Each structure stands twice: as C-alpha cells, then as structure tokens.
C-alpha atoms as a PDB file:
ATOM      1  CA  UNK A   1     105.293  31.344  75.242  1.00  0.00           C
ATOM      2  CA  UNK A   2     101.890  32.472  74.498  1.00  0.00           C
ATOM      3  CA  UNK A   3      99.707  33.379  77.569  1.00  0.00           C
ATOM      4  CA  UNK A   4      96.475  31.985  77.973  1.00  0.00           C
ATOM      5  CA  UNK A   5      93.807  34.384  77.912  1.00  0.00           C
ATOM      6  CA  UNK A   6      90.209  33.061  78.767  1.00  0.00           C
ATOM      7  CA  UNK A   7      87.371  34.087  77.184  1.00  0.00           C
ATOM      8  CA  UNK A   8      84.695  35.677  78.762  1.00  0.00           C
ATOM      9  CA  UNK A   9      81.718  33.828  78.823  1.00  0.00           C
ATOM     10  CA  UNK A  10      77.886  34.366  78.667  1.00  0.00           C
ATOM     11  CA  UNK A  11      74.529  33.020  78.884  1.00  0.00           C
ATOM     12  CA  UNK A  12      72.381  31.227  75.808  1.00  0.00           C
ATOM     13  CA  UNK A  13      68.877  31.479  76.329  1.00  0.00           C
ATOM     14  CA  UNK A  14      66.412  29.348  74.131  1.00  0.00           C
ATOM     15  CA  UNK A  15      62.961  29.800  74.952  1.00  0.00           C
ATOM     16  CA  UNK A  16      60.652  27.983  71.864  1.00  0.00           C
ATOM     17  CA  UNK A  17      57.705  29.950  70.614  1.00  0.00           C
ATOM     18  CA  UNK A  18      57.307  33.008  73.269  1.00  0.00           C
ATOM     19  CA  UNK A  19      54.577  35.723  72.795  1.00  0.00           C
ATOM     20  CA  UNK A  20      56.041  38.751  71.357  1.00  0.00           C
ATOM     21  CA  UNK A  21      55.160  40.960  75.053  1.00  0.00           C
ATOM     22  CA  UNK A  22      56.555  38.279  77.072  1.00  0.00           C
ATOM     23  CA  UNK A  23      59.932  37.955  75.817  1.00  0.00           C
ATOM     24  CA  UNK A  24      60.118  42.133  75.152  1.00  0.00           C
ATOM     25  CA  UNK A  25      59.336  42.085  79.154  1.00  0.00           C
ATOM     26  CA  UNK A  26      62.008  39.246  79.859  1.00  0.00           C
ATOM     27  CA  UNK A  27      64.281  41.481  77.750  1.00  0.00           C
ATOM     28  CA  UNK A  28      64.005  44.451  79.657  1.00  0.00           C
ATOM     29  CA  UNK A  29      64.255  42.748  83.008  1.00  0.00           C
ATOM     30  CA  UNK A  30      67.482  41.047  81.377  1.00  0.00           C
ATOM     31  CA  UNK A  31      68.648  44.921  80.409  1.00  0.00           C
ATOM     32  CA  UNK A  32      68.326  45.744  83.776  1.00  0.00           C
ATOM     33  CA  UNK A  33      70.253  42.571  85.176  1.00  0.00           C
ATOM     34  CA  UNK A  34      72.865  43.027  82.894  1.00  0.00           C
ATOM     35  CA  UNK A  35      73.148  47.198  84.215  1.00  0.00           C
ATOM     36  CA  UNK A  36      73.828  45.931  87.969  1.00  0.00           C
ATOM     37  CA  UNK A  37      75.848  42.808  87.299  1.00  0.00           C
ATOM     38  CA  UNK A  38      73.099  40.445  87.849  1.00  0.00           C
ATOM     39  CA  UNK A  39      73.319  38.803  84.187  1.00  0.00           C
ATOM     40  CA  UNK A  40      75.919  38.229  81.786  1.00  0.00           C
ATOM     41  CA  UNK A  41      75.707  39.151  77.802  1.00  0.00           C
ATOM     42  CA  UNK A  42      72.983  36.556  76.832  1.00  0.00           C
ATOM     43  CA  UNK A  43      71.710  35.637  73.648  1.00  0.00           C
ATOM     44  CA  UNK A  44      68.262  34.589  73.117  1.00  0.00           C
ATOM     45  CA  UNK A  45      67.030  32.381  70.478  1.00  0.00           C
ATOM     46  CA  UNK A  46      62.747  32.828  70.172  1.00  0.00           C
ATOM     47  CA  UNK A  47      60.231  32.382  67.756  1.00  0.00           C
ATOM     48  CA  UNK A  48      56.958  34.454  68.391  1.00  0.00           C
ATOM     49  CA  UNK A  49      53.472  33.867  67.429  1.00  0.00           C
ATOM     50  CA  UNK A  50      52.441  36.312  64.569  1.00  0.00           C
ATOM     51  CA  UNK A  51      52.645  39.935  65.259  1.00  0.00           C
ATOM     52  CA  UNK A  52      53.814  43.409  63.890  1.00  0.00           C
ATOM     53  CA  UNK A  53      56.206  45.623  65.496  1.00  0.00           C
ATOM     54  CA  UNK A  54      56.838  49.427  65.051  1.00  0.00           C
ATOM     55  CA  UNK A  55      60.434  51.015  65.810  1.00  0.00           C
ATOM     56  CA  UNK A  56      61.695  54.142  66.536  1.00  0.00           C
ATOM     57  CA  UNK A  57      61.703  55.367  62.380  1.00  0.00           C
ATOM     58  CA  UNK A  58      58.310  53.963  61.863  1.00  0.00           C
ATOM     59  CA  UNK A  59      56.130  55.208  59.452  1.00  0.00           C
ATOM     60  CA  UNK A  60      52.087  54.833  59.381  1.00  0.00           C
ATOM     61  CA  UNK A  61      51.574  54.355  55.977  1.00  0.00           C
ATOM     62  CA  UNK A  62      54.143  51.408  56.429  1.00  0.00           C
ATOM     63  CA  UNK A  63      51.766  49.384  58.615  1.00  0.00           C
ATOM     64  CA  UNK A  64      48.093  51.183  58.417  1.00  0.00           C
ATOM     65  CA  UNK A  65      46.990  47.934  56.498  1.00  0.00           C
ATOM     66  CA  UNK A  66      47.656  45.031  59.005  1.00  0.00           C
ATOM     67  CA  UNK A  67      45.131  42.865  60.387  1.00  0.00           C
ATOM     68  CA  UNK A  68      45.839  43.448  63.442  1.00  0.00           C
ATOM     69  CA  UNK A  69      47.332  46.091  65.779  1.00  0.00           C
ATOM     70  CA  UNK A  70      50.736  46.455  66.069  1.00  0.00           C
ATOM     71  CA  UNK A  71      53.320  46.318  68.754  1.00  0.00           C
ATOM     72  CA  UNK A  72      55.479  49.569  69.260  1.00  0.00           C
ATOM     73  CA  UNK A  73      58.979  49.340  70.453  1.00  0.00           C
ATOM     74  CA  UNK A  74      61.971  51.512  71.506  1.00  0.00           C
ATOM     75  CA  UNK A  75      64.231  49.415  68.774  1.00  0.00           C
ATOM     76  CA  UNK A  76      65.377  51.330  65.664  1.00  0.00           C
ATOM     77  CA  UNK A  77      64.184  50.532  61.745  1.00  0.00           C
ATOM     78  CA  UNK A  78      60.622  50.376  60.693  1.00  0.00           C
ATOM     79  CA  UNK A  79      58.096  47.947  60.913  1.00  0.00           C
ATOM     80  CA  UNK A  80      58.869  44.409  60.677  1.00  0.00           C
ATOM     81  CA  UNK A  81      56.692  41.192  61.214  1.00  0.00           C
ATOM     82  CA  UNK A  82      57.288  38.029  63.700  1.00  0.00           C
ATOM     83  CA  UNK A  83      55.824  34.269  63.169  1.00  0.00           C
ATOM     84  CA  UNK A  84      56.166  30.995  62.920  1.00  0.00           C
ATOM     85  CA  UNK A  85      59.130  30.238  60.679  1.00  0.00           C
ATOM     86  CA  UNK A  86      61.281  32.944  62.063  1.00  0.00           C
ATOM     87  CA  UNK A  87      63.996  32.646  63.983  1.00  0.00           C
ATOM     88  CA  UNK A  88      64.283  35.910  66.386  1.00  0.00           C
ATOM     89  CA  UNK A  89      67.477  36.549  67.823  1.00  0.00           C
ATOM     90  CA  UNK A  90      68.222  38.788  70.822  1.00  0.00           C
ATOM     91  CA  UNK A  91      71.252  40.430  72.327  1.00  0.00           C
ATOM     92  CA  UNK A  92      71.548  41.818  75.699  1.00  0.00           C
ATOM     93  CA  UNK A  93      74.909  42.953  75.576  1.00  0.00           C
ATOM     94  CA  UNK A  94      77.159  45.166  77.666  1.00  0.00           C
ATOM     95  CA  UNK A  95      78.838  47.690  75.176  1.00  0.00           C
ATOM     96  CA  UNK A  96      81.060  49.210  78.068  1.00  0.00           C
ATOM     97  CA  UNK A  97      83.029  46.216  78.095  1.00  0.00           C
ATOM     98  CA  UNK A  98      83.122  45.719  74.368  1.00  0.00           C
ATOM     99  CA  UNK A  99      84.833  48.700  73.173  1.00  0.00           C
ATOM    100  CA  UNK A 100      81.471  51.162  73.190  1.00  0.00           C
ATOM    101  CA  UNK A 101      80.908  50.715  69.282  1.00  0.00           C
ATOM    102  CA  UNK A 102      78.072  49.957  68.324  1.00  0.00           C
ATOM    103  CA  UNK A 103      78.629  49.584  64.225  1.00  0.00           C
ATOM    104  CA  UNK A 104      81.047  46.554  65.287  1.00  0.00           C
ATOM    105  CA  UNK A 105      78.224  45.532  67.415  1.00  0.00           C
ATOM    106  CA  UNK A 106      75.238  45.374  64.614  1.00  0.00           C
ATOM    107  CA  UNK A 107      78.083  44.351  61.586  1.00  0.00           C
ATOM    108  CA  UNK A 108      79.119  41.659  63.754  1.00  0.00           C
ATOM    109  CA  UNK A 109      75.225  40.076  64.426  1.00  0.00           C
ATOM    110  CA  UNK A 110      74.658  40.364  60.684  1.00  0.00           C
ATOM    111  CA  UNK A 111      78.346  38.546  59.612  1.00  0.00           C
ATOM    112  CA  UNK A 112      77.526  36.357  61.980  1.00  0.00           C
ATOM    113  CA  UNK A 113      73.870  35.344  60.271  1.00  0.00           C
ATOM    114  CA  UNK A 114      75.727  35.491  56.434  1.00  0.00           C
ATOM    115  CA  UNK A 115      78.505  32.565  57.874  1.00  0.00           C
ATOM    116  CA  UNK A 116      75.450  30.918  59.089  1.00  0.00           C
ATOM    117  CA  UNK A 117      73.478  30.861  56.137  1.00  0.00           C
ATOM    118  CA  UNK A 118      76.636  29.994  54.418  1.00  0.00           C
ATOM    119  CA  UNK A 119      76.270  26.910  56.191  1.00  0.00           C
ATOM    120  CA  UNK A 120      73.273  26.069  54.285  1.00  0.00           C
ATOM    121  CA  UNK A 121      75.254  27.404  51.141  1.00  0.00           C
ATOM    122  CA  UNK A 122      72.910  30.520  51.367  1.00  0.00           C
ATOM    123  CA  UNK A 123      75.233  33.145  49.147  1.00  0.00           C
ATOM    124  CA  UNK A 124      74.423  36.148  52.140  1.00  0.00           C
ATOM    125  CA  UNK A 125      75.898  40.008  52.189  1.00  0.00           C
ATOM    126  CA  UNK A 126      75.143  42.509  54.487  1.00  0.00           C
ATOM    127  CA  UNK A 127      73.046  45.251  52.940  1.00  0.00           C
ATOM    128  CA  UNK A 128      74.612  48.111  50.991  1.00  0.00           C
ATOM    129  CA  UNK A 129      71.518  51.144  51.249  1.00  0.00           C
ATOM    130  CA  UNK A 130      69.549  48.999  53.942  1.00  0.00           C
ATOM    131  CA  UNK A 131      70.372  47.477  57.030  1.00  0.00           C
ATOM    132  CA  UNK A 132      69.780  43.383  57.299  1.00  0.00           C
ATOM    133  CA  UNK A 133      71.076  40.741  55.308  1.00  0.00           C
ATOM    134  CA  UNK A 134      70.701  39.888  51.618  1.00  0.00           C
ATOM    135  CA  UNK A 135      70.459  37.386  49.309  1.00  0.00           C
ATOM    136  CA  UNK A 136      70.791  39.025  45.806  1.00  0.00           C
ATOM    137  CA  UNK A 137      68.228  41.599  45.570  1.00  0.00           C
ATOM    138  CA  UNK A 138      65.607  40.127  48.552  1.00  0.00           C
ATOM    139  CA  UNK A 139      65.890  40.248  52.505  1.00  0.00           C
ATOM    140  CA  UNK A 140      66.364  37.162  54.721  1.00  0.00           C
ATOM    141  CA  UNK A 141      66.781  39.006  57.844  1.00  0.00           C
ATOM    142  CA  UNK A 142      66.367  42.349  59.770  1.00  0.00           C
ATOM    143  CA  UNK A 143      68.200  43.702  62.021  1.00  0.00           C
ATOM    144  CA  UNK A 144      66.982  46.460  64.651  1.00  0.00           C
ATOM    145  CA  UNK A 145      68.396  47.153  68.187  1.00  0.00           C
ATOM    146  CA  UNK A 146      67.654  49.311  71.070  1.00  0.00           C
ATOM    147  CA  UNK A 147      70.236  50.756  74.027  1.00  0.00           C
ATOM    148  CA  UNK A 148      70.277  52.056  77.040  1.00  0.00           C
ATOM    149  CA  UNK A 149      72.588  52.870  79.126  1.00  0.00           C
ATOM    150  CA  UNK A 150      74.945  50.645  76.625  1.00  0.00           C
ATOM    151  CA  UNK A 151      73.037  47.831  77.343  1.00  0.00           C
ATOM    152  CA  UNK A 152      71.506  46.698  73.992  1.00  0.00           C
ATOM    153  CA  UNK A 153      68.324  44.491  73.293  1.00  0.00           C
ATOM    154  CA  UNK A 154      66.437  43.188  70.803  1.00  0.00           C
ATOM    155  CA  UNK A 155      68.406  41.963  67.599  1.00  0.00           C
ATOM    156  CA  UNK A 156      67.976  40.278  64.526  1.00  0.00           C
ATOM    157  CA  UNK A 157      64.753  38.518  62.979  1.00  0.00           C
ATOM    158  CA  UNK A 158      65.942  35.135  60.213  1.00  0.00           C
ATOM    159  CA  UNK A 159      63.141  34.217  58.052  1.00  0.00           C
ATOM    160  CA  UNK A 160      64.132  30.362  57.847  1.00  0.00           C
ATOM    161  CA  UNK A 161      61.058  28.927  57.344  1.00  0.00           C
ATOM    162  CA  UNK A 162      58.639  31.848  57.317  1.00  0.00           C
ATOM    163  CA  UNK A 163      55.594  32.216  55.199  1.00  0.00           C
ATOM    164  CA  UNK A 164      56.640  35.409  53.136  1.00  0.00           C
ATOM    165  CA  UNK A 165      52.478  36.002  52.219  1.00  0.00           C
ATOM    166  CA  UNK A 166      52.325  37.384  56.258  1.00  0.00           C
ATOM    167  CA  UNK A 167      54.765  40.837  54.532  1.00  0.00           C
ATOM    168  CA  UNK A 168      51.904  41.256  52.119  1.00  0.00           C
ATOM    169  CA  UNK A 169      50.413  43.217  54.200  1.00  0.00           C
ATOM    170  CA  UNK A 170      52.733  46.142  55.400  1.00  0.00           C
ATOM    171  CA  UNK A 171      55.853  47.752  53.653  1.00  0.00           C
ATOM    172  CA  UNK A 172      58.777  45.985  55.811  1.00  0.00           C
ATOM    173  CA  UNK A 173      61.479  48.227  56.958  1.00  0.00           C
ATOM    174  CA  UNK A 174      59.714  51.006  54.452  1.00  0.00           C
ATOM    175  CA  UNK A 175      60.176  47.991  51.515  1.00  0.00           C
ATOM    176  CA  UNK A 176      58.092  46.108  49.065  1.00  0.00           C
ATOM    177  CA  UNK A 177      56.813  42.959  50.503  1.00  0.00           C
ATOM    178  CA  UNK A 178      58.014  41.257  47.388  1.00  0.00           C
ATOM    179  CA  UNK A 179      61.386  41.957  48.677  1.00  0.00           C
ATOM    180  CA  UNK A 180      61.219  39.421  51.450  1.00  0.00           C
ATOM    181  CA  UNK A 181      62.821  36.028  51.015  1.00  0.00           C
ATOM    182  CA  UNK A 182      63.708  32.842  53.204  1.00  0.00           C
ATOM    183  CA  UNK A 183      66.015  30.001  53.762  1.00  0.00           C
ATOM    184  CA  UNK A 184      63.578  27.661  52.837  1.00  0.00           C
ATOM    185  CA  UNK A 185      62.412  29.797  49.636  1.00  0.00           C
ATOM    186  CA  UNK A 186      66.062  29.962  48.326  1.00  0.00           C
ATOM    187  CA  UNK A 187      66.548  26.171  49.495  1.00  0.00           C
ATOM    188  CA  UNK A 188      63.162  25.070  48.675  1.00  0.00           C
ATOM    189  CA  UNK A 189      62.964  22.615  51.289  1.00  0.00           C
ATOM    190  CA  UNK A 190      62.662  23.804  55.120  1.00  0.00           C
ATOM    191  CA  UNK A 191      65.426  24.480  57.663  1.00  0.00           C
ATOM    192  CA  UNK A 192      65.865  23.202  60.952  1.00  0.00           C
ATOM    193  CA  UNK A 193      65.373  25.996  63.451  1.00  0.00           C
ATOM    194  CA  UNK A 194      67.836  24.483  66.224  1.00  0.00           C
ATOM    195  CA  UNK A 195      70.180  23.669  64.374  1.00  0.00           C
ATOM    196  CA  UNK A 196      69.812  26.803  62.423  1.00  0.00           C
ATOM    197  CA  UNK A 197      70.197  28.305  66.150  1.00  0.00           C
ATOM    198  CA  UNK A 198      73.546  26.298  67.215  1.00  0.00           C
ATOM    199  CA  UNK A 199      75.365  27.351  63.873  1.00  0.00           C
ATOM    200  CA  UNK A 200      74.724  31.177  64.475  1.00  0.00           C
ATOM    201  CA  UNK A 201      76.046  30.586  67.733  1.00  0.00           C
ATOM    202  CA  UNK A 202      79.088  29.018  67.257  1.00  0.00           C
ATOM    203  CA  UNK A 203      79.702  31.904  65.023  1.00  0.00           C
ATOM    204  CA  UNK A 204      78.889  34.700  67.725  1.00  0.00           C
ATOM    205  CA  UNK A 205      81.045  32.528  70.114  1.00  0.00           C
ATOM    206  CA  UNK A 206      83.770  33.392  68.022  1.00  0.00           C
ATOM    207  CA  UNK A 207      82.799  36.967  67.174  1.00  0.00           C
ATOM    208  CA  UNK A 208      82.352  38.092  70.313  1.00  0.00           C
ATOM    209  CA  UNK A 209      85.313  35.972  71.738  1.00  0.00           C
ATOM    210  CA  UNK A 210      82.979  34.215  74.297  1.00  0.00           C
ATOM    211  CA  UNK A 211      81.819  31.181  75.707  1.00  0.00           C
ATOM    212  CA  UNK A 212      77.600  31.752  76.063  1.00  0.00           C
ATOM    213  CA  UNK A 213      77.052  28.772  78.364  1.00  0.00           C
ATOM    214  CA  UNK A 214      73.037  27.323  78.537  1.00  0.00           C
ATOM    215  CA  UNK A 215      70.857  28.880  80.975  1.00  0.00           C
ATOM    216  CA  UNK A 216      67.223  27.569  82.212  1.00  0.00           C
ATOM    217  CA  UNK A 217      64.552  30.482  82.759  1.00  0.00           C
ATOM    218  CA  UNK A 218      63.867  28.553  85.965  1.00  0.00           C
ATOM    219  CA  UNK A 219      67.182  29.165  87.296  1.00  0.00           C
ATOM    220  CA  UNK A 220      66.794  32.780  87.084  1.00  0.00           C
ATOM    221  CA  UNK A 221      63.049  33.273  87.022  1.00  0.00           C
ATOM    222  CA  UNK A 222      63.126  34.964  90.600  1.00  0.00           C
ATOM    223  CA  UNK A 223      65.642  37.922  89.791  1.00  0.00           C
ATOM    224  CA  UNK A 224      64.057  38.477  85.868  1.00  0.00           C
ATOM    225  CA  UNK A 225      60.148  38.942  87.327  1.00  0.00           C
ATOM    226  CA  UNK A 226      61.342  41.578  90.200  1.00  0.00           C
ATOM    227  CA  UNK A 227      63.742  43.413  87.413  1.00  0.00           C
ATOM    228  CA  UNK A 228      60.732  42.703  84.589  1.00  0.00           C
ATOM    229  CA  UNK A 229      58.656  44.975  87.139  1.00  0.00           C
ATOM    230  CA  UNK A 230      56.434  41.719  88.243  1.00  0.00           C
ATOM    231  CA  UNK A 231      55.944  40.113  85.386  1.00  0.00           C
ATOM    232  CA  UNK A 232      55.145  36.701  85.290  1.00  0.00           C
ATOM    233  CA  UNK A 233      57.429  33.921  84.450  1.00  0.00           C
END
C-alpha cells in the first residue's frame, strides 16, 4: 500500500509593478525571515519600472552608456535591464532543506521557464555556453541568484512583452543587445503576464514538490518591515 507523503508548502507573492529597490528590500527581509523560520520558501512575481542592475560579475564597459545610474546588487551575472513587459521571478528558498544543490536549483528555475514557454508554443532551451533560456540563437530569459547561508534570493527575468530597444544602451549579460528576444516578438502578439506567471507557478510546484499558497504583503508586513531594516511597505 502506498504511503501518502504530504508536500511541503511555500508562499507565492504577486506584487504587481514595484520599484526595484523596494522589492530588493523585501527580498532581503524575507531572507532573514526564512533563515529564522519566520517565512516559507517564497516565489515572488513582480514587474519593475525601467532600471539597469549590475551583478557581481559586472564589467563597466557593458553598462557605461546607460542613461541612468545602475543599481549594484549581490546576484551573479553582469548587467541587465528590468522594465515594463518583463516578468521577474524571485526565489527566497532554503537550500539547506533541498539538498544544498545550487546547480540543480538553477536548472529547475530555467527548465520551469522552458516548460511555461512551451505552453505558448515557444520552443526554448537552456543555454549551453551562457546561462539563461534561449529561443534559437536569441535569449529570452536571464538568470542570476545570490545565496546567503544557503538562503537564495534574486532569480529570473523573462522577456514577455518587453520593449527590446531598451537593451540597446548596454551589453546585456555581456552579449550583443540584438541577441535578446521576447515572447511577444516570437509570437507576434502580447502575452498575458498573469497567465504566464500561473503557468510558471504550476510548473515550479511540480519541480520543487511544493504547494505554493498565496500570501498578501499585508499579512507579513510587520515582520518584513522589521527584518528589512525598517523599510516601509
């Protein structure tokens, strides 16, 4: 007789369009909360106003022509752009409870994006020479994570309805800007971002064997504010 093994459960936060620095403060607060057992493994869906970010491997020559000051962050990778039409997914996970396998975690993030794109009949794949998710010779999603005492944060940026001209002011991930693509470019029509987020969530629930339940920011506001250094929600 088979034995029923319940899935662990996590949180999903869908916060809409939020300034990058504010979402970063929330992530850092959640990292502390997760480490102290005050939060579950969390997936956060967000869309940012236009901003350029530079990771630990950033090269100045890749972003010196951007029109506004970049935000320097602790994730891996080089320079990238976030903005309207791009779905950003942050993962605050405790890898100490998931085998401490960062490579498997990164692969699961990327494969989840590949699977979701397949639901829109976009044939994507994991990069071979470069990380991220690719459609033919073009890149549709960038990946960059940070890990602090086995708690992850940052994540993936997926170009759904992104204005690809925004990448022209930089060398995204050290690549030529014309290598970037979007789901809308591939399909010739916009993609419903919320529907895509739900497809991702279904896939990640299976890949991470976790039931992700919605949680409102207001429900964790007091704890999150205290952990993120008094940042007002």
